[in-house]
mmCIF file of all heavy atoms, coordinates in Angstrom:
data_MODEL
# 
_entry.id   MODEL 
# 
loop_
_atom_site.group_PDB 
_atom_site.id 
_atom_site.type_symbol 
_atom_site.label_atom_id 
_atom_site.label_alt_id 
_atom_site.label_comp_id 
_atom_site.label_asym_id 
_atom_site.label_entity_id 
_atom_site.label_seq_id 
_atom_site.pdbx_PDB_ins_code 
_atom_site.Cartn_x 
_atom_site.Cartn_y 
_atom_site.Cartn_z 
_atom_site.occupancy 
_atom_site.B_iso_or_equiv 
_atom_site.pdbx_formal_charge 
_atom_site.auth_seq_id 
_atom_site.auth_comp_id 
_atom_site.auth_asym_id 
_atom_site.auth_atom_id 
_atom_site.pdbx_PDB_model_num 
ATOM 1   N N   . GLU A 1 1  ? -54.703 -35.246 -9.688  1.00 0.00 ? 1  GLU A N   1 
ATOM 2   C CA  . GLU A 1 1  ? -55.634 -35.584 -8.743  1.00 0.00 ? 1  GLU A CA  1 
ATOM 3   C C   . GLU A 1 1  ? -56.996 -34.818 -8.921  1.00 0.00 ? 1  GLU A C   1 
ATOM 4   O O   . GLU A 1 1  ? -57.063 -33.868 -9.546  1.00 0.00 ? 1  GLU A O   1 
ATOM 5   C CB  . GLU A 1 1  ? -55.166 -35.394 -7.302  1.00 0.00 ? 1  GLU A CB  1 
ATOM 6   C CG  . GLU A 1 1  ? -53.966 -36.129 -6.965  1.00 0.00 ? 1  GLU A CG  1 
ATOM 7   C CD  . GLU A 1 1  ? -53.524 -36.087 -5.533  1.00 0.00 ? 1  GLU A CD  1 
ATOM 8   O OE1 . GLU A 1 1  ? -54.268 -35.291 -4.815  1.00 0.00 ? 1  GLU A OE1 1 
ATOM 9   O OE2 . GLU A 1 1  ? -52.546 -36.838 -5.185  1.00 0.00 ? 1  GLU A OE2 1 
ATOM 10  N N   . ARG A 1 2  ? -58.064 -35.590 -8.486  1.00 0.00 ? 2  ARG A N   1 
ATOM 11  C CA  . ARG A 1 2  ? -59.386 -35.073 -8.554  1.00 0.00 ? 2  ARG A CA  1 
ATOM 12  C C   . ARG A 1 2  ? -59.453 -33.767 -7.620  1.00 0.00 ? 2  ARG A C   1 
ATOM 13  O O   . ARG A 1 2  ? -58.956 -33.675 -6.463  1.00 0.00 ? 2  ARG A O   1 
ATOM 14  C CB  . ARG A 1 2  ? -60.483 -35.994 -7.938  1.00 0.00 ? 2  ARG A CB  1 
ATOM 15  C CG  . ARG A 1 2  ? -61.823 -35.804 -8.185  1.00 0.00 ? 2  ARG A CG  1 
ATOM 16  C CD  . ARG A 1 2  ? -62.690 -36.873 -7.937  1.00 0.00 ? 2  ARG A CD  1 
ATOM 17  N NE  . ARG A 1 2  ? -62.390 -38.015 -8.693  1.00 0.00 ? 2  ARG A NE  1 
ATOM 18  C CZ  . ARG A 1 2  ? -63.114 -39.130 -8.924  1.00 0.00 ? 2  ARG A CZ  1 
ATOM 19  N NH1 . ARG A 1 2  ? -64.374 -39.166 -8.068  1.00 0.00 ? 2  ARG A NH1 1 
ATOM 20  N NH2 . ARG A 1 2  ? -62.786 -40.143 -9.645  1.00 0.00 ? 2  ARG A NH2 1 
ATOM 21  N N   . GLU A 1 3  ? -60.056 -32.676 -8.049  1.00 0.00 ? 3  GLU A N   1 
ATOM 22  C CA  . GLU A 1 3  ? -60.023 -31.377 -7.439  1.00 0.00 ? 3  GLU A CA  1 
ATOM 23  C C   . GLU A 1 3  ? -61.493 -30.990 -7.205  1.00 0.00 ? 3  GLU A C   1 
ATOM 24  O O   . GLU A 1 3  ? -62.236 -31.121 -8.166  1.00 0.00 ? 3  GLU A O   1 
ATOM 25  C CB  . GLU A 1 3  ? -59.171 -30.344 -8.111  1.00 0.00 ? 3  GLU A CB  1 
ATOM 26  C CG  . GLU A 1 3  ? -59.614 -29.959 -9.518  1.00 0.00 ? 3  GLU A CG  1 
ATOM 27  C CD  . GLU A 1 3  ? -58.888 -28.816 -9.959  1.00 0.00 ? 3  GLU A CD  1 
ATOM 28  O OE1 . GLU A 1 3  ? -58.224 -27.997 -9.242  1.00 0.00 ? 3  GLU A OE1 1 
ATOM 29  O OE2 . GLU A 1 3  ? -58.841 -28.610 -11.309 1.00 0.00 ? 3  GLU A OE2 1 
ATOM 30  N N   . LEU A 1 4  ? -61.765 -30.254 -6.229  1.00 0.00 ? 4  LEU A N   1 
ATOM 31  C CA  . LEU A 1 4  ? -63.100 -29.689 -6.035  1.00 0.00 ? 4  LEU A CA  1 
ATOM 32  C C   . LEU A 1 4  ? -63.395 -28.422 -6.843  1.00 0.00 ? 4  LEU A C   1 
ATOM 33  O O   . LEU A 1 4  ? -62.404 -27.634 -6.889  1.00 0.00 ? 4  LEU A O   1 
ATOM 34  C CB  . LEU A 1 4  ? -63.302 -29.363 -4.548  1.00 0.00 ? 4  LEU A CB  1 
ATOM 35  C CG  . LEU A 1 4  ? -64.611 -28.510 -4.170  1.00 0.00 ? 4  LEU A CG  1 
ATOM 36  C CD1 . LEU A 1 4  ? -65.796 -29.458 -4.337  1.00 0.00 ? 4  LEU A CD1 1 
ATOM 37  C CD2 . LEU A 1 4  ? -64.526 -28.113 -2.601  1.00 0.00 ? 4  LEU A CD2 1 
ATOM 38  N N   . VAL A 1 5  ? -64.442 -28.375 -7.551  1.00 0.00 ? 5  VAL A N   1 
ATOM 39  C CA  . VAL A 1 5  ? -64.750 -27.192 -8.358  1.00 0.00 ? 5  VAL A CA  1 
ATOM 40  C C   . VAL A 1 5  ? -65.848 -26.396 -7.734  1.00 0.00 ? 5  VAL A C   1 
ATOM 41  O O   . VAL A 1 5  ? -65.557 -25.042 -7.677  1.00 0.00 ? 5  VAL A O   1 
ATOM 42  C CB  . VAL A 1 5  ? -65.221 -27.631 -9.850  1.00 0.00 ? 5  VAL A CB  1 
ATOM 43  C CG1 . VAL A 1 5  ? -65.665 -26.480 -10.724 1.00 0.00 ? 5  VAL A CG1 1 
ATOM 44  C CG2 . VAL A 1 5  ? -64.133 -28.591 -10.498 1.00 0.00 ? 5  VAL A CG2 1 
ATOM 45  N N   . ALA A 1 6  ? -66.901 -26.941 -7.243  1.00 0.00 ? 6  ALA A N   1 
ATOM 46  C CA  . ALA A 1 6  ? -67.947 -26.063 -6.639  1.00 0.00 ? 6  ALA A CA  1 
ATOM 47  C C   . ALA A 1 6  ? -68.895 -26.997 -5.905  1.00 0.00 ? 6  ALA A C   1 
ATOM 48  O O   . ALA A 1 6  ? -68.991 -28.230 -6.083  1.00 0.00 ? 6  ALA A O   1 
ATOM 49  C CB  . ALA A 1 6  ? -68.648 -25.327 -7.738  1.00 0.00 ? 6  ALA A CB  1 
ATOM 50  N N   . TRP A 1 7  ? -69.649 -26.404 -5.034  1.00 0.00 ? 7  TRP A N   1 
ATOM 51  C CA  . TRP A 1 7  ? -70.736 -27.067 -4.372  1.00 0.00 ? 7  TRP A CA  1 
ATOM 52  C C   . TRP A 1 7  ? -71.799 -26.158 -3.927  1.00 0.00 ? 7  TRP A C   1 
ATOM 53  O O   . TRP A 1 7  ? -71.658 -24.909 -3.867  1.00 0.00 ? 7  TRP A O   1 
ATOM 54  C CB  . TRP A 1 7  ? -70.204 -27.884 -3.113  1.00 0.00 ? 7  TRP A CB  1 
ATOM 55  C CG  . TRP A 1 7  ? -69.542 -27.121 -2.014  1.00 0.00 ? 7  TRP A CG  1 
ATOM 56  C CD1 . TRP A 1 7  ? -68.178 -27.099 -1.875  1.00 0.00 ? 7  TRP A CD1 1 
ATOM 57  C CD2 . TRP A 1 7  ? -70.124 -26.310 -0.958  1.00 0.00 ? 7  TRP A CD2 1 
ATOM 58  N NE1 . TRP A 1 7  ? -67.882 -26.264 -0.753  1.00 0.00 ? 7  TRP A NE1 1 
ATOM 59  C CE2 . TRP A 1 7  ? -69.029 -25.777 -0.260  1.00 0.00 ? 7  TRP A CE2 1 
ATOM 60  C CE3 . TRP A 1 7  ? -71.444 -25.964 -0.613  1.00 0.00 ? 7  TRP A CE3 1 
ATOM 61  C CZ2 . TRP A 1 7  ? -69.322 -24.950 0.861   1.00 0.00 ? 7  TRP A CZ2 1 
ATOM 62  C CZ3 . TRP A 1 7  ? -71.688 -25.101 0.342   1.00 0.00 ? 7  TRP A CZ3 1 
ATOM 63  C CH2 . TRP A 1 7  ? -70.520 -24.592 1.126   1.00 0.00 ? 7  TRP A CH2 1 
ATOM 64  N N   . ALA A 1 8  ? -72.961 -26.687 -3.686  1.00 0.00 ? 8  ALA A N   1 
ATOM 65  C CA  . ALA A 1 8  ? -74.129 -25.914 -3.278  1.00 0.00 ? 8  ALA A CA  1 
ATOM 66  C C   . ALA A 1 8  ? -74.867 -26.696 -2.162  1.00 0.00 ? 8  ALA A C   1 
ATOM 67  O O   . ALA A 1 8  ? -75.007 -27.855 -2.397  1.00 0.00 ? 8  ALA A O   1 
ATOM 68  C CB  . ALA A 1 8  ? -75.070 -25.627 -4.478  1.00 0.00 ? 8  ALA A CB  1 
ATOM 69  N N   . SER A 1 9  ? -75.399 -25.960 -1.306  1.00 0.00 ? 9  SER A N   1 
ATOM 70  C CA  . SER A 1 9  ? -76.167 -26.648 -0.133  1.00 0.00 ? 9  SER A CA  1 
ATOM 71  C C   . SER A 1 9  ? -77.538 -26.161 -0.075  1.00 0.00 ? 9  SER A C   1 
ATOM 72  O O   . SER A 1 9  ? -77.837 -24.938 -0.371  1.00 0.00 ? 9  SER A O   1 
ATOM 73  C CB  . SER A 1 9  ? -75.321 -26.206 1.205   1.00 0.00 ? 9  SER A CB  1 
ATOM 74  O OG  . SER A 1 9  ? -76.044 -26.740 2.388   1.00 0.00 ? 9  SER A OG  1 
ATOM 75  N N   . TRP A 1 10 ? -78.247 -27.140 0.359   1.00 0.00 ? 10 TRP A N   1 
ATOM 76  C CA  . TRP A 1 10 ? -79.762 -26.803 0.627   1.00 0.00 ? 10 TRP A CA  1 
ATOM 77  C C   . TRP A 1 10 ? -80.044 -26.193 1.955   1.00 0.00 ? 10 TRP A C   1 
ATOM 78  O O   . TRP A 1 10 ? -81.225 -25.893 2.264   1.00 0.00 ? 10 TRP A O   1 
ATOM 79  C CB  . TRP A 1 10 ? -80.667 -28.036 0.245   1.00 0.00 ? 10 TRP A CB  1 
ATOM 80  C CG  . TRP A 1 10 ? -80.895 -28.155 -1.331  1.00 0.00 ? 10 TRP A CG  1 
ATOM 81  C CD1 . TRP A 1 10 ? -82.044 -27.919 -1.909  1.00 0.00 ? 10 TRP A CD1 1 
ATOM 82  C CD2 . TRP A 1 10 ? -80.091 -28.841 -2.230  1.00 0.00 ? 10 TRP A CD2 1 
ATOM 83  N NE1 . TRP A 1 10 ? -81.966 -28.170 -3.158  1.00 0.00 ? 10 TRP A NE1 1 
ATOM 84  C CE2 . TRP A 1 10 ? -80.762 -28.847 -3.423  1.00 0.00 ? 10 TRP A CE2 1 
ATOM 85  C CE3 . TRP A 1 10 ? -78.764 -29.407 -2.123  1.00 0.00 ? 10 TRP A CE3 1 
ATOM 86  C CZ2 . TRP A 1 10 ? -80.174 -29.335 -4.560  1.00 0.00 ? 10 TRP A CZ2 1 
ATOM 87  C CZ3 . TRP A 1 10 ? -78.338 -29.909 -3.374  1.00 0.00 ? 10 TRP A CZ3 1 
ATOM 88  C CH2 . TRP A 1 10 ? -78.996 -29.805 -4.544  1.00 0.00 ? 10 TRP A CH2 1 
ATOM 89  N N   . ILE A 1 11 ? -78.990 -26.185 2.666   1.00 0.00 ? 11 ILE A N   1 
ATOM 90  C CA  . ILE A 1 11 ? -79.172 -25.569 4.058   1.00 0.00 ? 11 ILE A CA  1 
ATOM 91  C C   . ILE A 1 11 ? -78.456 -24.326 4.051   1.00 0.00 ? 11 ILE A C   1 
ATOM 92  O O   . ILE A 1 11 ? -77.141 -24.134 3.959   1.00 0.00 ? 11 ILE A O   1 
ATOM 93  C CB  . ILE A 1 11 ? -78.494 -26.486 5.235   1.00 0.00 ? 11 ILE A CB  1 
ATOM 94  C CG1 . ILE A 1 11 ? -79.227 -27.864 5.131   1.00 0.00 ? 11 ILE A CG1 1 
ATOM 95  C CG2 . ILE A 1 11 ? -78.542 -25.954 6.523   1.00 0.00 ? 11 ILE A CG2 1 
ATOM 96  C CD1 . ILE A 1 11 ? -78.560 -28.862 6.138   1.00 0.00 ? 11 ILE A CD1 1 
ATOM 97  N N   . GLY A 1 12 ? -79.289 -23.284 4.138   1.00 0.00 ? 12 GLY A N   1 
ATOM 98  C CA  . GLY A 1 12 ? -78.776 -21.816 4.136   1.00 0.00 ? 12 GLY A CA  1 
ATOM 99  C C   . GLY A 1 12 ? -78.465 -21.362 2.804   1.00 0.00 ? 12 GLY A C   1 
ATOM 100 O O   . GLY A 1 12 ? -78.145 -20.101 2.696   1.00 0.00 ? 12 GLY A O   1 
ATOM 101 N N   . GLY A 1 13 ? -78.534 -22.135 1.872   1.00 0.00 ? 13 GLY A N   1 
ATOM 102 C CA  . GLY A 1 13 ? -78.237 -21.677 0.397   1.00 0.00 ? 13 GLY A CA  1 
ATOM 103 C C   . GLY A 1 13 ? -76.714 -21.248 0.199   1.00 0.00 ? 13 GLY A C   1 
ATOM 104 O O   . GLY A 1 13 ? -76.477 -20.485 -0.768  1.00 0.00 ? 13 GLY A O   1 
ATOM 105 N N   . SER A 1 14 ? -75.956 -21.713 0.962   1.00 0.00 ? 14 SER A N   1 
ATOM 106 C CA  . SER A 1 14 ? -74.516 -21.372 0.813   1.00 0.00 ? 14 SER A CA  1 
ATOM 107 C C   . SER A 1 14 ? -73.943 -22.127 -0.433  1.00 0.00 ? 14 SER A C   1 
ATOM 108 O O   . SER A 1 14 ? -74.454 -23.159 -0.902  1.00 0.00 ? 14 SER A O   1 
ATOM 109 C CB  . SER A 1 14 ? -73.720 -21.940 1.993   1.00 0.00 ? 14 SER A CB  1 
ATOM 110 O OG  . SER A 1 14 ? -73.869 -23.232 2.390   1.00 0.00 ? 14 SER A OG  1 
ATOM 111 N N   . GLU A 1 15 ? -72.925 -21.487 -1.024  1.00 0.00 ? 15 GLU A N   1 
ATOM 112 C CA  . GLU A 1 15 ? -72.272 -22.053 -2.326  1.00 0.00 ? 15 GLU A CA  1 
ATOM 113 C C   . GLU A 1 15 ? -70.781 -21.759 -2.224  1.00 0.00 ? 15 GLU A C   1 
ATOM 114 O O   . GLU A 1 15 ? -70.278 -20.945 -1.377  1.00 0.00 ? 15 GLU A O   1 
ATOM 115 C CB  . GLU A 1 15 ? -72.871 -21.296 -3.525  1.00 0.00 ? 15 GLU A CB  1 
ATOM 116 C CG  . GLU A 1 15 ? -74.294 -21.513 -3.666  1.00 0.00 ? 15 GLU A CG  1 
ATOM 117 C CD  . GLU A 1 15 ? -74.790 -20.766 -4.874  1.00 0.00 ? 15 GLU A CD  1 
ATOM 118 O OE1 . GLU A 1 15 ? -73.998 -19.976 -5.466  1.00 0.00 ? 15 GLU A OE1 1 
ATOM 119 O OE2 . GLU A 1 15 ? -76.036 -20.939 -5.304  1.00 0.00 ? 15 GLU A OE2 1 
ATOM 120 N N   . TYR A 1 16 ? -70.136 -22.499 -2.967  1.00 0.00 ? 16 TYR A N   1 
ATOM 121 C CA  . TYR A 1 16 ? -68.602 -22.554 -3.081  1.00 0.00 ? 16 TYR A CA  1 
ATOM 122 C C   . TYR A 1 16 ? -68.278 -22.662 -4.569  1.00 0.00 ? 16 TYR A C   1 
ATOM 123 O O   . TYR A 1 16 ? -68.728 -23.668 -5.128  1.00 0.00 ? 16 TYR A O   1 
ATOM 124 C CB  . TYR A 1 16 ? -67.973 -23.444 -2.192  1.00 0.00 ? 16 TYR A CB  1 
ATOM 125 C CG  . TYR A 1 16 ? -66.407 -23.488 -2.389  1.00 0.00 ? 16 TYR A CG  1 
ATOM 126 C CD1 . TYR A 1 16 ? -65.559 -22.624 -1.830  1.00 0.00 ? 16 TYR A CD1 1 
ATOM 127 C CD2 . TYR A 1 16 ? -66.007 -24.531 -3.260  1.00 0.00 ? 16 TYR A CD2 1 
ATOM 128 C CE1 . TYR A 1 16 ? -64.213 -22.726 -2.113  1.00 0.00 ? 16 TYR A CE1 1 
ATOM 129 C CE2 . TYR A 1 16 ? -64.619 -24.704 -3.419  1.00 0.00 ? 16 TYR A CE2 1 
ATOM 130 C CZ  . TYR A 1 16 ? -63.707 -23.787 -2.887  1.00 0.00 ? 16 TYR A CZ  1 
ATOM 131 O OH  . TYR A 1 16 ? -62.349 -23.804 -3.182  1.00 0.00 ? 16 TYR A OH  1 
ATOM 132 N N   . VAL A 1 17 ? -67.377 -21.831 -4.963  1.00 0.00 ? 17 VAL A N   1 
ATOM 133 C CA  . VAL A 1 17 ? -66.659 -22.077 -6.244  1.00 0.00 ? 17 VAL A CA  1 
ATOM 134 C C   . VAL A 1 17 ? -65.213 -21.778 -6.135  1.00 0.00 ? 17 VAL A C   1 
ATOM 135 O O   . VAL A 1 17 ? -64.797 -20.866 -5.397  1.00 0.00 ? 17 VAL A O   1 
ATOM 136 C CB  . VAL A 1 17 ? -67.210 -21.145 -7.471  1.00 0.00 ? 17 VAL A CB  1 
ATOM 137 C CG1 . VAL A 1 17 ? -66.543 -21.372 -8.732  1.00 0.00 ? 17 VAL A CG1 1 
ATOM 138 C CG2 . VAL A 1 17 ? -68.679 -21.205 -7.510  1.00 0.00 ? 17 VAL A CG2 1 
ATOM 139 N N   . ALA A 1 18 ? -64.393 -22.792 -6.600  1.00 0.00 ? 18 ALA A N   1 
ATOM 140 C CA  . ALA A 1 18 ? -62.949 -22.690 -6.428  1.00 0.00 ? 18 ALA A CA  1 
ATOM 141 C C   . ALA A 1 18 ? -62.440 -21.435 -6.985  1.00 0.00 ? 18 ALA A C   1 
ATOM 142 O O   . ALA A 1 18 ? -62.892 -20.957 -8.053  1.00 0.00 ? 18 ALA A O   1 
ATOM 143 C CB  . ALA A 1 18 ? -62.315 -23.884 -7.048  1.00 0.00 ? 18 ALA A CB  1 
ATOM 144 N N   . ASN A 1 19 ? -61.403 -20.906 -6.394  1.00 0.00 ? 19 ASN A N   1 
ATOM 145 C CA  . ASN A 1 19 ? -60.713 -19.624 -6.777  1.00 0.00 ? 19 ASN A CA  1 
ATOM 146 C C   . ASN A 1 19 ? -60.266 -19.665 -8.205  1.00 0.00 ? 19 ASN A C   1 
ATOM 147 O O   . ASN A 1 19 ? -60.405 -18.677 -9.091  1.00 0.00 ? 19 ASN A O   1 
ATOM 148 C CB  . ASN A 1 19 ? -59.692 -19.239 -5.872  1.00 0.00 ? 19 ASN A CB  1 
ATOM 149 C CG  . ASN A 1 19 ? -60.148 -18.725 -4.592  1.00 0.00 ? 19 ASN A CG  1 
ATOM 150 O OD1 . ASN A 1 19 ? -61.268 -18.283 -4.420  1.00 0.00 ? 19 ASN A OD1 1 
ATOM 151 N ND2 . ASN A 1 19 ? -59.265 -18.858 -3.539  1.00 0.00 ? 19 ASN A ND2 1 
ATOM 152 N N   . SER A 1 20 ? -59.839 -20.888 -8.713  1.00 0.00 ? 20 SER A N   1 
ATOM 153 C CA  . SER A 1 20 ? -59.185 -21.030 -9.948  1.00 0.00 ? 20 SER A CA  1 
ATOM 154 C C   . SER A 1 20 ? -60.300 -21.025 -11.089 1.00 0.00 ? 20 SER A C   1 
ATOM 155 O O   . SER A 1 20 ? -59.908 -20.635 -12.251 1.00 0.00 ? 20 SER A O   1 
ATOM 156 C CB  . SER A 1 20 ? -58.560 -22.420 -10.113 1.00 0.00 ? 20 SER A CB  1 
ATOM 157 O OG  . SER A 1 20 ? -59.513 -23.513 -9.889  1.00 0.00 ? 20 SER A OG  1 
ATOM 158 N N   . VAL A 1 21 ? -61.676 -21.049 -10.773 1.00 0.00 ? 21 VAL A N   1 
ATOM 159 C CA  . VAL A 1 21 ? -62.556 -20.992 -11.823 1.00 0.00 ? 21 VAL A CA  1 
ATOM 160 C C   . VAL A 1 21 ? -63.729 -20.011 -11.534 1.00 0.00 ? 21 VAL A C   1 
ATOM 161 O O   . VAL A 1 21 ? -64.662 -19.916 -12.256 1.00 0.00 ? 21 VAL A O   1 
ATOM 162 C CB  . VAL A 1 21 ? -63.107 -22.378 -12.231 1.00 0.00 ? 21 VAL A CB  1 
ATOM 163 C CG1 . VAL A 1 21 ? -62.076 -23.289 -12.753 1.00 0.00 ? 21 VAL A CG1 1 
ATOM 164 C CG2 . VAL A 1 21 ? -63.770 -22.970 -10.913 1.00 0.00 ? 21 VAL A CG2 1 
ATOM 165 N N   . LYS A 1 22 ? -63.690 -19.332 -10.221 1.00 0.00 ? 22 LYS A N   1 
ATOM 166 C CA  . LYS A 1 22 ? -64.888 -18.599 -9.815  1.00 0.00 ? 22 LYS A CA  1 
ATOM 167 C C   . LYS A 1 22 ? -65.212 -17.430 -10.783 1.00 0.00 ? 22 LYS A C   1 
ATOM 168 O O   . LYS A 1 22 ? -66.320 -16.967 -10.639 1.00 0.00 ? 22 LYS A O   1 
ATOM 169 C CB  . LYS A 1 22 ? -64.741 -18.306 -8.392  1.00 0.00 ? 22 LYS A CB  1 
ATOM 170 C CG  . LYS A 1 22 ? -63.744 -17.246 -8.063  1.00 0.00 ? 22 LYS A CG  1 
ATOM 171 C CD  . LYS A 1 22 ? -63.464 -16.923 -6.592  1.00 0.00 ? 22 LYS A CD  1 
ATOM 172 C CE  . LYS A 1 22 ? -62.603 -15.889 -6.236  1.00 0.00 ? 22 LYS A CE  1 
ATOM 173 N NZ  . LYS A 1 22 ? -62.418 -15.586 -4.812  1.00 0.00 ? 22 LYS A NZ  1 
ATOM 174 N N   . ASP A 1 23 ? -64.285 -16.966 -11.532 1.00 0.00 ? 23 ASP A N   1 
ATOM 175 C CA  . ASP A 1 23 ? -64.474 -15.925 -12.416 1.00 0.00 ? 23 ASP A CA  1 
ATOM 176 C C   . ASP A 1 23 ? -65.156 -16.303 -13.715 1.00 0.00 ? 23 ASP A C   1 
ATOM 177 O O   . ASP A 1 23 ? -65.788 -15.487 -14.421 1.00 0.00 ? 23 ASP A O   1 
ATOM 178 C CB  . ASP A 1 23 ? -63.294 -15.097 -12.745 1.00 0.00 ? 23 ASP A CB  1 
ATOM 179 C CG  . ASP A 1 23 ? -62.181 -16.143 -13.431 1.00 0.00 ? 23 ASP A CG  1 
ATOM 180 O OD1 . ASP A 1 23 ? -62.253 -17.343 -13.049 1.00 0.00 ? 23 ASP A OD1 1 
ATOM 181 O OD2 . ASP A 1 23 ? -61.456 -15.701 -14.204 1.00 0.00 ? 23 ASP A OD2 1 
ATOM 182 N N   . ARG A 1 24 ? -65.370 -17.616 -13.828 1.00 0.00 ? 24 ARG A N   1 
ATOM 183 C CA  . ARG A 1 24 ? -65.892 -18.171 -15.142 1.00 0.00 ? 24 ARG A CA  1 
ATOM 184 C C   . ARG A 1 24 ? -67.009 -19.105 -14.872 1.00 0.00 ? 24 ARG A C   1 
ATOM 185 O O   . ARG A 1 24 ? -67.944 -19.392 -15.763 1.00 0.00 ? 24 ARG A O   1 
ATOM 186 C CB  . ARG A 1 24 ? -64.901 -18.824 -16.017 1.00 0.00 ? 24 ARG A CB  1 
ATOM 187 C CG  . ARG A 1 24 ? -63.765 -17.807 -16.388 1.00 0.00 ? 24 ARG A CG  1 
ATOM 188 C CD  . ARG A 1 24 ? -62.676 -18.501 -17.299 1.00 0.00 ? 24 ARG A CD  1 
ATOM 189 N NE  . ARG A 1 24 ? -62.026 -19.568 -16.490 1.00 0.00 ? 24 ARG A NE  1 
ATOM 190 C CZ  . ARG A 1 24 ? -62.016 -20.841 -16.614 1.00 0.00 ? 24 ARG A CZ  1 
ATOM 191 N NH1 . ARG A 1 24 ? -62.722 -21.423 -17.655 1.00 0.00 ? 24 ARG A NH1 1 
ATOM 192 N NH2 . ARG A 1 24 ? -61.259 -21.740 -15.964 1.00 0.00 ? 24 ARG A NH2 1 
ATOM 193 N N   . PHE A 1 25 ? -67.019 -19.944 -13.752 1.00 0.00 ? 25 PHE A N   1 
ATOM 194 C CA  . PHE A 1 25 ? -68.022 -20.890 -13.467 1.00 0.00 ? 25 PHE A CA  1 
ATOM 195 C C   . PHE A 1 25 ? -68.969 -20.427 -12.414 1.00 0.00 ? 25 PHE A C   1 
ATOM 196 O O   . PHE A 1 25 ? -68.619 -19.561 -11.538 1.00 0.00 ? 25 PHE A O   1 
ATOM 197 C CB  . PHE A 1 25 ? -67.361 -22.150 -12.925 1.00 0.00 ? 25 PHE A CB  1 
ATOM 198 C CG  . PHE A 1 25 ? -66.474 -22.896 -13.936 1.00 0.00 ? 25 PHE A CG  1 
ATOM 199 C CD1 . PHE A 1 25 ? -66.266 -22.454 -15.286 1.00 0.00 ? 25 PHE A CD1 1 
ATOM 200 C CD2 . PHE A 1 25 ? -65.822 -24.015 -13.655 1.00 0.00 ? 25 PHE A CD2 1 
ATOM 201 C CE1 . PHE A 1 25 ? -65.445 -23.041 -16.179 1.00 0.00 ? 25 PHE A CE1 1 
ATOM 202 C CE2 . PHE A 1 25 ? -65.102 -24.709 -14.540 1.00 0.00 ? 25 PHE A CE2 1 
ATOM 203 C CZ  . PHE A 1 25 ? -64.870 -24.236 -15.806 1.00 0.00 ? 25 PHE A CZ  1 
ATOM 204 N N   . ALA A 1 26 ? -70.146 -20.939 -12.381 1.00 0.00 ? 26 ALA A N   1 
ATOM 205 C CA  . ALA A 1 26 ? -71.165 -20.687 -11.400 1.00 0.00 ? 26 ALA A CA  1 
ATOM 206 C C   . ALA A 1 26 ? -71.971 -22.057 -11.147 1.00 0.00 ? 26 ALA A C   1 
ATOM 207 O O   . ALA A 1 26 ? -72.236 -22.872 -12.077 1.00 0.00 ? 26 ALA A O   1 
ATOM 208 C CB  . ALA A 1 26 ? -72.099 -19.728 -11.829 1.00 0.00 ? 26 ALA A CB  1 
ATOM 209 N N   . ILE A 1 27 ? -72.320 -22.251 -9.804  1.00 0.00 ? 27 ILE A N   1 
ATOM 210 C CA  . ILE A 1 27 ? -73.092 -23.376 -9.562  1.00 0.00 ? 27 ILE A CA  1 
ATOM 211 C C   . ILE A 1 27 ? -74.504 -22.941 -9.059  1.00 0.00 ? 27 ILE A C   1 
ATOM 212 O O   . ILE A 1 27 ? -74.727 -21.875 -8.603  1.00 0.00 ? 27 ILE A O   1 
ATOM 213 C CB  . ILE A 1 27 ? -72.479 -24.194 -8.338  1.00 0.00 ? 27 ILE A CB  1 
ATOM 214 C CG1 . ILE A 1 27 ? -73.221 -25.603 -8.208  1.00 0.00 ? 27 ILE A CG1 1 
ATOM 215 C CG2 . ILE A 1 27 ? -72.434 -23.381 -7.050  1.00 0.00 ? 27 ILE A CG2 1 
ATOM 216 C CD1 . ILE A 1 27 ? -72.398 -26.503 -7.303  1.00 0.00 ? 27 ILE A CD1 1 
# 
């Protein structure tokens, strides 16, 4: 299934990277 990898918000500058890839990926 489609899975969330990461997102970034223009409100507050919050970001998210999935635990499965956060050690290697950045948004």
